[in-house]
Each structure stands twice: as structure tokens, then as C-alpha cells.
PDB file of N, CA and C in Angstrom:
ATOM      1  N   MET A   1      11.317 -43.052 -21.249  1.00  0.00           N
ATOM      2  CA  MET A   1      11.578 -42.547 -19.944  1.00  0.00           C
ATOM      3  C   MET A   1      10.359 -41.834 -19.386  1.00  0.00           C
ATOM      4  N   SER A   2       9.895 -42.165 -18.297  1.00  0.00           N
ATOM      5  CA  SER A   2       8.677 -41.570 -17.653  1.00  0.00           C
ATOM      6  C   SER A   2       9.057 -40.821 -16.431  1.00  0.00           C
ATOM      7  N   ASN A   3       8.502 -39.645 -16.364  1.00  0.00           N
ATOM      8  CA  ASN A   3       8.768 -38.852 -15.128  1.00  0.00           C
ATOM      9  C   ASN A   3       7.427 -38.533 -14.321  1.00  0.00           C
ATOM     10  N   ASN A   4       6.328 -39.191 -14.766  1.00  0.00           N
ATOM     11  CA  ASN A   4       5.030 -38.954 -14.113  1.00  0.00           C
ATOM     12  C   ASN A   4       4.779 -37.488 -13.895  1.00  0.00           C
ATOM     13  N   LEU A   5       4.593 -36.794 -14.997  1.00  0.00           N
ATOM     14  CA  LEU A   5       4.206 -35.374 -14.949  1.00  0.00           C
ATOM     15  C   LEU A   5       2.955 -35.144 -14.148  1.00  0.00           C
ATOM     16  N   SER A   6       2.755 -33.941 -13.843  1.00  0.00           N
ATOM     17  CA  SER A   6       1.478 -33.666 -13.110  1.00  0.00           C
ATOM     18  C   SER A   6       1.004 -32.312 -13.631  1.00  0.00           C
ATOM     19  N   PHE A   7      -0.038 -32.361 -14.475  1.00  0.00           N
ATOM     20  CA  PHE A   7      -0.731 -31.184 -14.956  1.00  0.00           C
ATOM     21  C   PHE A   7      -2.076 -31.129 -14.193  1.00  0.00           C
ATOM     22  N   LYS A   8      -2.069 -30.283 -13.203  1.00  0.00           N
ATOM     23  CA  LYS A   8      -3.327 -30.214 -12.387  1.00  0.00           C
ATOM     24  C   LYS A   8      -3.892 -28.862 -12.441  1.00  0.00           C
ATOM     25  N   THR A   9      -3.022 -27.809 -12.610  1.00  0.00           N
ATOM     26  CA  THR A   9      -3.468 -26.440 -12.644  1.00  0.00           C
ATOM     27  C   THR A   9      -3.037 -25.638 -13.821  1.00  0.00           C
ATOM     28  N   VAL A  10      -3.621 -24.508 -13.951  1.00  0.00           N
ATOM     29  CA  VAL A  10      -3.199 -23.522 -15.062  1.00  0.00           C
ATOM     30  C   VAL A  10      -1.711 -23.224 -14.813  1.00  0.00           C
ATOM     31  N   ASP A  11      -1.251 -23.010 -13.646  1.00  0.00           N
ATOM     32  CA  ASP A  11       0.096 -22.714 -13.397  1.00  0.00           C
ATOM     33  C   ASP A  11       0.994 -23.885 -13.872  1.00  0.00           C
ATOM     34  N   ASP A  12       0.576 -25.078 -13.822  1.00  0.00           N
ATOM     35  CA  ASP A  12       1.328 -26.230 -14.288  1.00  0.00           C
ATOM     36  C   ASP A  12       1.446 -26.079 -15.843  1.00  0.00           C
ATOM     37  N   LEU A  13       0.370 -25.743 -16.458  1.00  0.00           N
ATOM     38  CA  LEU A  13       0.365 -25.557 -17.934  1.00  0.00           C
ATOM     39  C   LEU A  13       1.210 -24.403 -18.427  1.00  0.00           C
ATOM     40  N   ALA A  14       1.234 -23.419 -17.537  1.00  0.00           N
ATOM     41  CA  ALA A  14       2.027 -22.153 -17.898  1.00  0.00           C
ATOM     42  C   ALA A  14       3.563 -22.393 -18.037  1.00  0.00           C
ATOM     43  N   LYS A  15       3.943 -23.618 -17.567  1.00  0.00           N
ATOM     44  CA  LYS A  15       5.394 -24.009 -17.693  1.00  0.00           C
ATOM     45  C   LYS A  15       5.732 -24.432 -19.122  1.00  0.00           C
ATOM     46  N   LEU A  16       4.703 -24.760 -19.894  1.00  0.00           N
ATOM     47  CA  LEU A  16       4.870 -25.271 -21.248  1.00  0.00           C
ATOM     48  C   LEU A  16       5.024 -24.009 -22.162  1.00  0.00           C
ATOM     49  N   ASP A  17       5.761 -24.219 -23.363  1.00  0.00           N
ATOM     50  CA  ASP A  17       6.023 -23.192 -24.275  1.00  0.00           C
ATOM     51  C   ASP A  17       4.620 -22.664 -24.835  1.00  0.00           C
ATOM     52  N   PRO A  18       4.467 -21.339 -24.808  1.00  0.00           N
ATOM     53  CA  PRO A  18       3.261 -20.770 -25.393  1.00  0.00           C
ATOM     54  C   PRO A  18       2.933 -21.099 -26.865  1.00  0.00           C
ATOM     55  N   ARG A  19       4.028 -21.344 -27.662  1.00  0.00           N
ATOM     56  CA  ARG A  19       3.744 -21.769 -29.022  1.00  0.00           C
ATOM     57  C   ARG A  19       3.128 -23.159 -29.059  1.00  0.00           C
ATOM     58  N   TYR A  20       3.588 -23.977 -28.154  1.00  0.00           N
ATOM     59  CA  TYR A  20       3.003 -25.384 -28.074  1.00  0.00           C
ATOM     60  C   TYR A  20       1.449 -25.204 -27.697  1.00  0.00           C
ATOM     61  N   LEU A  21       1.235 -24.395 -26.692  1.00  0.00           N
ATOM     62  CA  LEU A  21      -0.183 -24.239 -26.187  1.00  0.00           C
ATOM     63  C   LEU A  21      -1.064 -23.668 -27.198  1.00  0.00           C
ATOM     64  N   ARG A  22      -0.525 -22.690 -28.031  1.00  0.00           N
ATOM     65  CA  ARG A  22      -1.358 -22.182 -29.178  1.00  0.00           C
ATOM     66  C   ARG A  22      -1.679 -23.186 -30.115  1.00  0.00           C
ATOM     67  N   GLN A  23      -0.825 -24.084 -30.402  1.00  0.00           N
ATOM     68  CA  GLN A  23      -1.096 -25.159 -31.358  1.00  0.00           C
ATOM     69  C   GLN A  23      -2.192 -26.155 -30.814  1.00  0.00           C
ATOM     70  N   VAL A  24      -2.067 -26.387 -29.500  1.00  0.00           N
ATOM     71  CA  VAL A  24      -3.136 -27.155 -28.774  1.00  0.00           C
ATOM     72  C   VAL A  24      -4.474 -26.516 -29.031  1.00  0.00           C
ATOM     73  N   MET A  25      -4.523 -25.170 -28.802  1.00  0.00           N
ATOM     74  CA  MET A  25      -5.805 -24.469 -28.956  1.00  0.00           C
ATOM     75  C   MET A  25      -6.330 -24.545 -30.387  1.00  0.00           C
ATOM     76  N   ARG A  26      -5.527 -24.523 -31.333  1.00  0.00           N
ATOM     77  CA  ARG A  26      -5.906 -24.681 -32.767  1.00  0.00           C
ATOM     78  C   ARG A  26      -6.683 -25.988 -32.985  1.00  0.00           C
ATOM     79  N   HIS A  27      -6.278 -26.978 -32.248  1.00  0.00           N
ATOM     80  CA  HIS A  27      -6.901 -28.299 -32.464  1.00  0.00           C
ATOM     81  C   HIS A  27      -8.163 -28.448 -31.599  1.00  0.00           C
ATOM     82  N   MET A  28      -8.313 -27.618 -30.637  1.00  0.00           N
ATOM     83  CA  MET A  28      -9.482 -27.548 -29.813  1.00  0.00           C
ATOM     84  C   MET A  28     -10.720 -27.057 -30.629  1.00  0.00           C
ATOM     85  N   ARG A  29     -10.459 -26.104 -31.515  1.00  0.00           N
ATOM     86  CA  ARG A  29     -11.451 -25.550 -32.434  1.00  0.00           C
ATOM     87  C   ARG A  29     -12.636 -24.822 -31.742  1.00  0.00           C
ATOM     88  N   TYR A  30     -13.208 -25.438 -30.776  1.00  0.00           N
ATOM     89  CA  TYR A  30     -14.370 -24.815 -30.123  1.00  0.00           C
ATOM     90  C   TYR A  30     -14.128 -24.601 -28.716  1.00  0.00           C
ATOM     91  N   GLN A  31     -14.718 -23.513 -28.135  1.00  0.00           N
ATOM     92  CA  GLN A  31     -14.488 -23.210 -26.749  1.00  0.00           C
ATOM     93  C   GLN A  31     -15.155 -24.328 -25.815  1.00  0.00           C
ATOM     94  N   GLU A  32     -15.981 -25.072 -26.325  1.00  0.00           N
ATOM     95  CA  GLU A  32     -16.630 -26.163 -25.427  1.00  0.00           C
ATOM     96  C   GLU A  32     -15.738 -27.371 -25.422  1.00  0.00           C
ATOM     97  N   THR A  33     -14.701 -27.437 -26.202  1.00  0.00           N
ATOM     98  CA  THR A  33     -13.825 -28.662 -26.196  1.00  0.00           C
ATOM     99  C   THR A  33     -12.826 -28.556 -25.056  1.00  0.00           C
ATOM    100  N   VAL A  34     -12.462 -29.757 -24.556  1.00  0.00           N
ATOM    101  CA  VAL A  34     -11.490 -29.801 -23.559  1.00  0.00           C
ATOM    102  C   VAL A  34     -10.281 -30.613 -24.063  1.00  0.00           C
ATOM    103  N   VAL A  35      -9.181 -30.529 -23.317  1.00  0.00           N
ATOM    104  CA  VAL A  35      -7.934 -31.258 -23.722  1.00  0.00           C
ATOM    105  C   VAL A  35      -7.404 -31.954 -22.504  1.00  0.00           C
ATOM    106  N   GLN A  36      -6.807 -33.123 -22.636  1.00  0.00           N
ATOM    107  CA  GLN A  36      -6.114 -33.773 -21.599  1.00  0.00           C
ATOM    108  C   GLN A  36      -4.707 -34.119 -22.032  1.00  0.00           C
ATOM    109  N   PHE A  37      -3.785 -33.804 -21.116  1.00  0.00           N
ATOM    110  CA  PHE A  37      -2.313 -34.013 -21.447  1.00  0.00           C
ATOM    111  C   PHE A  37      -1.854 -35.334 -20.921  1.00  0.00           C
ATOM    112  N   GLY A  38      -0.869 -35.829 -21.689  1.00  0.00           N
ATOM    113  CA  GLY A  38      -0.200 -37.100 -21.231  1.00  0.00           C
ATOM    114  C   GLY A  38       0.588 -36.847 -19.990  1.00  0.00           C
ATOM    115  N   GLN A  39       0.575 -37.753 -19.004  1.00  0.00           N
ATOM    116  CA  GLN A  39       1.271 -37.622 -17.878  1.00  0.00           C
ATOM    117  C   GLN A  39       2.580 -38.362 -17.777  1.00  0.00           C
ATOM    118  N   THR A  40       3.089 -38.883 -18.900  1.00  0.00           N
ATOM    119  CA  THR A  40       4.340 -39.528 -18.913  1.00  0.00           C
ATOM    120  C   THR A  40       5.146 -38.884 -20.061  1.00  0.00           C
ATOM    121  N   GLY A  41       6.493 -39.079 -19.999  1.00  0.00           N
ATOM    122  CA  GLY A  41       7.244 -38.534 -21.035  1.00  0.00           C
ATOM    123  C   GLY A  41       8.176 -37.429 -20.457  1.00  0.00           C
ATOM    124  N   SER A  42       8.767 -36.633 -21.405  1.00  0.00           N
ATOM    125  CA  SER A  42       9.712 -35.628 -20.896  1.00  0.00           C
ATOM    126  C   SER A  42       9.110 -34.322 -20.375  1.00  0.00           C
ATOM    127  N   GLY A  43       7.813 -34.095 -20.840  1.00  0.00           N
ATOM    128  CA  GLY A  43       7.145 -32.930 -20.298  1.00  0.00           C
ATOM    129  C   GLY A  43       7.301 -31.615 -21.119  1.00  0.00           C
ATOM    130  N   GLN A  44       8.163 -31.611 -22.165  1.00  0.00           N
ATOM    131  CA  GLN A  44       8.375 -30.411 -22.923  1.00  0.00           C
ATOM    132  C   GLN A  44       7.134 -30.201 -23.900  1.00  0.00           C
ATOM    133  N   THR A  45       6.757 -31.302 -24.634  1.00  0.00           N
ATOM    134  CA  THR A  45       5.673 -31.184 -25.588  1.00  0.00           C
ATOM    135  C   THR A  45       4.887 -32.466 -25.376  1.00  0.00           C
ATOM    136  N   PRO A  46       4.111 -32.589 -24.281  1.00  0.00           N
ATOM    137  CA  PRO A  46       3.314 -33.801 -24.058  1.00  0.00           C
ATOM    138  C   PRO A  46       2.358 -34.111 -25.155  1.00  0.00           C
ATOM    139  N   ASN A  47       2.098 -35.398 -25.393  1.00  0.00           N
ATOM    140  CA  ASN A  47       0.984 -35.853 -26.173  1.00  0.00           C
ATOM    141  C   ASN A  47      -0.302 -35.418 -25.448  1.00  0.00           C
ATOM    142  N   TYR A  48      -1.295 -35.365 -26.203  1.00  0.00           N
ATOM    143  CA  TYR A  48      -2.616 -34.917 -25.624  1.00  0.00           C
ATOM    144  C   TYR A  48      -3.715 -35.535 -26.462  1.00  0.00           C
ATOM    145  N   GLN A  49      -5.007 -35.317 -25.887  1.00  0.00           N
ATOM    146  CA  GLN A  49      -6.138 -35.672 -26.739  1.00  0.00           C
ATOM    147  C   GLN A  49      -7.206 -34.522 -26.551  1.00  0.00           C
ATOM    148  N   THR A  50      -7.765 -34.273 -27.727  1.00  0.00           N
ATOM    149  CA  THR A  50      -8.811 -33.303 -27.669  1.00  0.00           C
ATOM    150  C   THR A  50     -10.085 -34.080 -27.497  1.00  0.00           C
ATOM    151  N   CYS A  51     -11.048 -33.642 -26.723  1.00  0.00           N
ATOM    152  CA  CYS A  51     -12.271 -34.235 -26.343  1.00  0.00           C
ATOM    153  C   CYS A  51     -13.446 -33.332 -26.717  1.00  0.00           C
ATOM    154  N   PHE A  52     -14.233 -33.728 -27.669  1.00  0.00           N
ATOM    155  CA  PHE A  52     -15.351 -32.951 -28.094  1.00  0.00           C
ATOM    156  C   PHE A  52     -16.616 -33.276 -27.417  1.00  0.00           C
ATOM    157  N   GLN A  53     -17.627 -32.315 -27.568  1.00  0.00           N
ATOM    158  CA  GLN A  53     -18.956 -32.557 -26.919  1.00  0.00           C
ATOM    159  C   GLN A  53     -19.615 -33.824 -27.352  1.00  0.00           C
ATOM    160  N   ASP A  54     -19.408 -34.328 -28.526  1.00  0.00           N
ATOM    161  CA  ASP A  54     -20.023 -35.534 -28.993  1.00  0.00           C
ATOM    162  C   ASP A  54     -19.321 -36.796 -28.486  1.00  0.00           C
ATOM    163  N   GLU A  55     -18.344 -36.630 -27.550  1.00  0.00           N
ATOM    164  CA  GLU A  55     -17.557 -37.656 -26.946  1.00  0.00           C
ATOM    165  C   GLU A  55     -16.510 -38.230 -27.839  1.00  0.00           C
ATOM    166  N   THR A  56     -16.224 -37.603 -29.024  1.00  0.00           N
ATOM    167  CA  THR A  56     -15.150 -37.980 -29.957  1.00  0.00           C
ATOM    168  C   THR A  56     -13.866 -37.568 -29.194  1.00  0.00           C
ATOM    169  N   LYS A  57     -12.813 -38.436 -29.203  1.00  0.00           N
ATOM    170  CA  LYS A  57     -11.493 -38.070 -28.673  1.00  0.00           C
ATOM    171  C   LYS A  57     -10.485 -38.282 -29.732  1.00  0.00           C
ATOM    172  N   ILE A  58      -9.625 -37.218 -29.926  1.00  0.00           N
ATOM    173  CA  ILE A  58      -8.575 -37.316 -30.962  1.00  0.00           C
ATOM    174  C   ILE A  58      -7.177 -37.238 -30.256  1.00  0.00           C
ATOM    175  N   PRO A  59      -6.485 -38.326 -30.267  1.00  0.00           N
ATOM    176  CA  PRO A  59      -5.114 -38.285 -29.664  1.00  0.00           C
ATOM    177  C   PRO A  59      -4.111 -37.743 -30.590  1.00  0.00           C
ATOM    178  N   ARG A  60      -3.170 -36.927 -30.083  1.00  0.00           N
ATOM    179  CA  ARG A  60      -2.256 -36.179 -30.904  1.00  0.00           C
ATOM    180  C   ARG A  60      -0.844 -36.307 -30.383  1.00  0.00           C
ATOM    181  N   HIS A  61       0.144 -36.215 -31.364  1.00  0.00           N
ATOM    182  CA  HIS A  61       1.510 -36.196 -30.981  1.00  0.00           C
ATOM    183  C   HIS A  61       1.900 -34.767 -30.636  1.00  0.00           C
ATOM    184  N   GLY A  62       2.303 -34.522 -29.355  1.00  0.00           N
ATOM    185  CA  GLY A  62       2.704 -33.188 -29.005  1.00  0.00           C
ATOM    186  C   GLY A  62       4.003 -32.721 -29.552  1.00  0.00           C
ATOM    187  N   ASN A  63       4.867 -33.608 -29.997  1.00  0.00           N
ATOM    188  CA  ASN A  63       6.168 -33.245 -30.433  1.00  0.00           C
ATOM    189  C   ASN A  63       6.293 -33.117 -31.950  1.00  0.00           C
ATOM    190  N   SER A  64       5.231 -33.400 -32.651  1.00  0.00           N
ATOM    191  CA  SER A  64       5.257 -33.260 -34.135  1.00  0.00           C
ATOM    192  C   SER A  64       4.989 -31.805 -34.461  1.00  0.00           C
ATOM    193  N   PRO A  65       5.519 -31.256 -35.558  1.00  0.00           N
ATOM    194  CA  PRO A  65       5.381 -29.855 -35.866  1.00  0.00           C
ATOM    195  C   PRO A  65       3.879 -29.312 -35.833  1.00  0.00           C
ATOM    196  N   LYS A  66       2.972 -30.076 -36.395  1.00  0.00           N
ATOM    197  CA  LYS A  66       1.638 -29.652 -36.518  1.00  0.00           C
ATOM    198  C   LYS A  66       0.690 -30.472 -35.547  1.00  0.00           C
ATOM    199  N   HIS A  67       1.352 -31.142 -34.599  1.00  0.00           N
ATOM    200  CA  HIS A  67       0.611 -31.994 -33.634  1.00  0.00           C
ATOM    201  C   HIS A  67      -0.304 -33.015 -34.352  1.00  0.00           C
ATOM    202  N   LYS A  68       0.294 -33.863 -35.168  1.00  0.00           N
ATOM    203  CA  LYS A  68      -0.411 -34.837 -35.872  1.00  0.00           C
ATOM    204  C   LYS A  68      -1.176 -35.788 -35.150  1.00  0.00           C
ATOM    205  N   LYS A  69      -2.254 -36.312 -35.700  1.00  0.00           N
ATOM    206  CA  LYS A  69      -3.055 -37.341 -35.044  1.00  0.00           C
ATOM    207  C   LYS A  69      -2.265 -38.599 -34.972  1.00  0.00           C
ATOM    208  N   PHE A  70      -2.534 -39.498 -33.916  1.00  0.00           N
ATOM    209  CA  PHE A  70      -1.991 -40.826 -33.804  1.00  0.00           C
ATOM    210  C   PHE A  70      -2.500 -41.539 -35.050  1.00  0.00           C
ATOM    211  N   GLN A  71      -1.704 -42.476 -35.611  1.00  0.00           N
ATOM    212  CA  GLN A  71      -2.117 -43.259 -36.733  1.00  0.00           C
ATOM    213  C   GLN A  71      -3.282 -44.268 -36.303  1.00  0.00           C
ATOM    214  N   LYS A  72      -3.118 -44.860 -35.072  1.00  0.00           N
ATOM    215  CA  LYS A  72      -4.048 -45.796 -34.697  1.00  0.00           C
ATOM    216  C   LYS A  72      -5.282 -45.057 -34.067  1.00  0.00           C
ATOM    217  N   THR A  73      -6.415 -45.755 -34.117  1.00  0.00           N
ATOM    218  CA  THR A  73      -7.634 -45.142 -33.612  1.00  0.00           C
ATOM    219  C   THR A  73      -7.810 -45.325 -32.079  1.00  0.00           C
ATOM    220  N   GLU A  74      -6.939 -46.202 -31.514  1.00  0.00           N
ATOM    221  CA  GLU A  74      -7.073 -46.420 -30.087  1.00  0.00           C
ATOM    222  C   GLU A  74      -6.903 -45.210 -29.222  1.00  0.00           C
ATOM    223  N   GLN A  75      -7.427 -45.221 -28.057  1.00  0.00           N
ATOM    224  CA  GLN A  75      -7.418 -44.109 -27.151  1.00  0.00           C
ATOM    225  C   GLN A  75      -6.244 -44.257 -26.163  1.00  0.00           C
ATOM    226  N   PHE A  76      -5.892 -43.120 -25.455  1.00  0.00           N
ATOM    227  CA  PHE A  76      -4.931 -43.152 -24.438  1.00  0.00           C
ATOM    228  C   PHE A  76      -5.426 -43.899 -23.204  1.00  0.00           C
ATOM    229  N   ASP A  77      -4.604 -44.394 -22.455  1.00  0.00           N
ATOM    230  CA  ASP A  77      -4.970 -44.964 -21.164  1.00  0.00           C
ATOM    231  C   ASP A  77      -5.387 -43.769 -20.257  1.00  0.00           C
ATOM    232  N   GLU A  78      -6.559 -43.801 -19.790  1.00  0.00           N
ATOM    233  CA  GLU A  78      -7.098 -42.710 -18.919  1.00  0.00           C
ATOM    234  C   GLU A  78      -6.139 -42.484 -17.695  1.00  0.00           C
ATOM    235  N   ALA A  79      -5.578 -43.517 -17.222  1.00  0.00           N
ATOM    236  CA  ALA A  79      -4.700 -43.331 -16.022  1.00  0.00           C
ATOM    237  C   ALA A  79      -3.511 -42.588 -16.311  1.00  0.00           C
ATOM    238  N   ASN A  80      -3.113 -42.297 -17.538  1.00  0.00           N
ATOM    239  CA  ASN A  80      -1.924 -41.595 -17.983  1.00  0.00           C
ATOM    240  C   ASN A  80      -2.311 -40.120 -18.463  1.00  0.00           C
ATOM    241  N   LEU A  81      -3.523 -39.741 -18.204  1.00  0.00           N
ATOM    242  CA  LEU A  81      -3.964 -38.360 -18.654  1.00  0.00           C
ATOM    243  C   LEU A  81      -4.182 -37.458 -17.518  1.00  0.00           C
ATOM    244  N   SER A  82      -4.016 -36.150 -17.817  1.00  0.00           N
ATOM    245  CA  SER A  82      -4.367 -35.157 -16.840  1.00  0.00           C
ATOM    246  C   SER A  82      -5.867 -35.010 -16.790  1.00  0.00           C
ATOM    247  N   ARG A  83      -6.289 -34.127 -15.887  1.00  0.00           N
ATOM    248  CA  ARG A  83      -7.743 -33.785 -15.825  1.00  0.00           C
ATOM    249  C   ARG A  83      -7.996 -32.979 -17.066  1.00  0.00           C
ATOM    250  N   PRO A  84      -9.276 -32.825 -17.531  1.00  0.00           N
ATOM    251  CA  PRO A  84      -9.623 -32.023 -18.694  1.00  0.00           C
ATOM    252  C   PRO A  84      -9.367 -30.529 -18.359  1.00  0.00           C
ATOM    253  N   PHE A  85      -8.789 -29.886 -19.434  1.00  0.00           N
ATOM    254  CA  PHE A  85      -8.568 -28.389 -19.328  1.00  0.00           C
ATOM    255  C   PHE A  85      -9.355 -27.797 -20.418  1.00  0.00           C
ATOM    256  N   SER A  86      -9.985 -26.615 -20.052  1.00  0.00           N
ATOM    257  CA  SER A  86     -10.870 -25.984 -20.993  1.00  0.00           C
ATOM    258  C   SER A  86     -10.051 -24.996 -21.974  1.00  0.00           C
ATOM    259  N   TYR A  87     -10.647 -24.600 -22.955  1.00  0.00           N
ATOM    260  CA  TYR A  87     -10.043 -23.613 -23.911  1.00  0.00           C
ATOM    261  C   TYR A  87      -9.576 -22.313 -23.099  1.00  0.00           C
ATOM    262  N   GLN A  88     -10.504 -21.890 -22.196  1.00  0.00           N
ATOM    263  CA  GLN A  88     -10.148 -20.632 -21.430  1.00  0.00           C
ATOM    264  C   GLN A  88      -8.946 -20.941 -20.527  1.00  0.00           C
ATOM    265  N   GLU A  89      -8.872 -22.095 -19.951  1.00  0.00           N
ATOM    266  CA  GLU A  89      -7.685 -22.356 -19.070  1.00  0.00           C
ATOM    267  C   GLU A  89      -6.377 -22.403 -19.886  1.00  0.00           C
ATOM    268  N   ILE A  90      -6.406 -22.852 -21.152  1.00  0.00           N
ATOM    269  CA  ILE A  90      -5.232 -22.823 -21.997  1.00  0.00           C
ATOM    270  C   ILE A  90      -4.879 -21.336 -22.301  1.00  0.00           C
ATOM    271  N   GLN A  91      -5.863 -20.558 -22.575  1.00  0.00           N
ATOM    272  CA  GLN A  91      -5.685 -19.077 -22.763  1.00  0.00           C
ATOM    273  C   GLN A  91      -5.014 -18.448 -21.545  1.00  0.00           C
ATOM    274  N   GLN A  92      -5.512 -18.852 -20.361  1.00  0.00           N
ATOM    275  CA  GLN A  92      -4.900 -18.317 -19.137  1.00  0.00           C
ATOM    276  C   GLN A  92      -3.445 -18.722 -18.940  1.00  0.00           C
ATOM    277  N   ALA A  93      -3.108 -19.941 -19.249  1.00  0.00           N
ATOM    278  CA  ALA A  93      -1.793 -20.419 -19.140  1.00  0.00           C
ATOM    279  C   ALA A  93      -0.809 -19.642 -20.084  1.00  0.00           C
ATOM    280  N   ILE A  94      -1.256 -19.377 -21.319  1.00  0.00           N
ATOM    281  CA  ILE A  94      -0.519 -18.579 -22.233  1.00  0.00           C
ATOM    282  C   ILE A  94      -0.314 -17.142 -21.715  1.00  0.00           C
ATOM    283  N   ALA A  95      -1.356 -16.537 -21.143  1.00  0.00           N
ATOM    284  CA  ALA A  95      -1.326 -15.198 -20.651  1.00  0.00           C
ATOM    285  C   ALA A  95      -0.344 -15.090 -19.500  1.00  0.00           C
ATOM    286  N   LYS A  96      -0.121 -16.112 -18.685  1.00  0.00           N
ATOM    287  CA  LYS A  96       0.821 -16.180 -17.620  1.00  0.00           C
ATOM    288  C   LYS A  96       2.226 -16.038 -18.047  1.00  0.00           C
ATOM    289  N   LYS A  97       2.510 -16.437 -19.273  1.00  0.00           N
ATOM    290  CA  LYS A  97       3.901 -16.407 -19.832  1.00  0.00           C
ATOM    291  C   LYS A  97       4.144 -15.040 -20.488  1.00  0.00           C
ATOM    292  N   SER A  98       3.034 -14.278 -20.808  1.00  0.00           N
ATOM    293  CA  SER A  98       3.309 -12.995 -21.400  1.00  0.00           C
ATOM    294  C   SER A  98       3.799 -11.959 -20.499  1.00  0.00           C
TER     295      SER A  98
END
């Protein structure tokens, strides 16, 4: 089921569970890393990919307990991803829930 989610702002991200966002930050590892969220699905724990400075992209399952990597090495369809969000923006989204 697709609902064409729209993650465009920090306020949009702030609607997600802070525990989920903290796990996303753990996988970002570095403040220079960005993350893109899946734009389809239920929206509670979207899949996402971490994008590193060396252009490596790691797609992850948002609904698995530890946000496991996808088994396949293929990348997500760019048309189904949000804009890139920085480490600082994820922090801001968590702070909005506090």
C-alpha cells in the first residue's frame, strides 16, 4: 500500500517516533552523512538510505529492530526518495518532539 509520503521539512520528520530517528542517526555515523527516506509505504518507520561522502549508499529497512541493511546491493529508485536530510536536521526533528 502506498500513500506517497512527503518528507520535505524537519517538521515532517518530527512526526516520526524519536526512537526511530535516533536509530537512523546511529547509522549515519558522521555528521557529514545525509539520509533519504522512502516516500512510499505506511509512514511509521520508512525505509531509508544513508549516503556517505564517498558516494556509498546503504539502503536500510526502517521497520526492522536494528534497521538492517537490505540483502540486495541494488539502490532505491531515486523517484521514491525524499530530499537528503543532514545529521543536524535529524537532531532538530528529535528536539521538536521533546
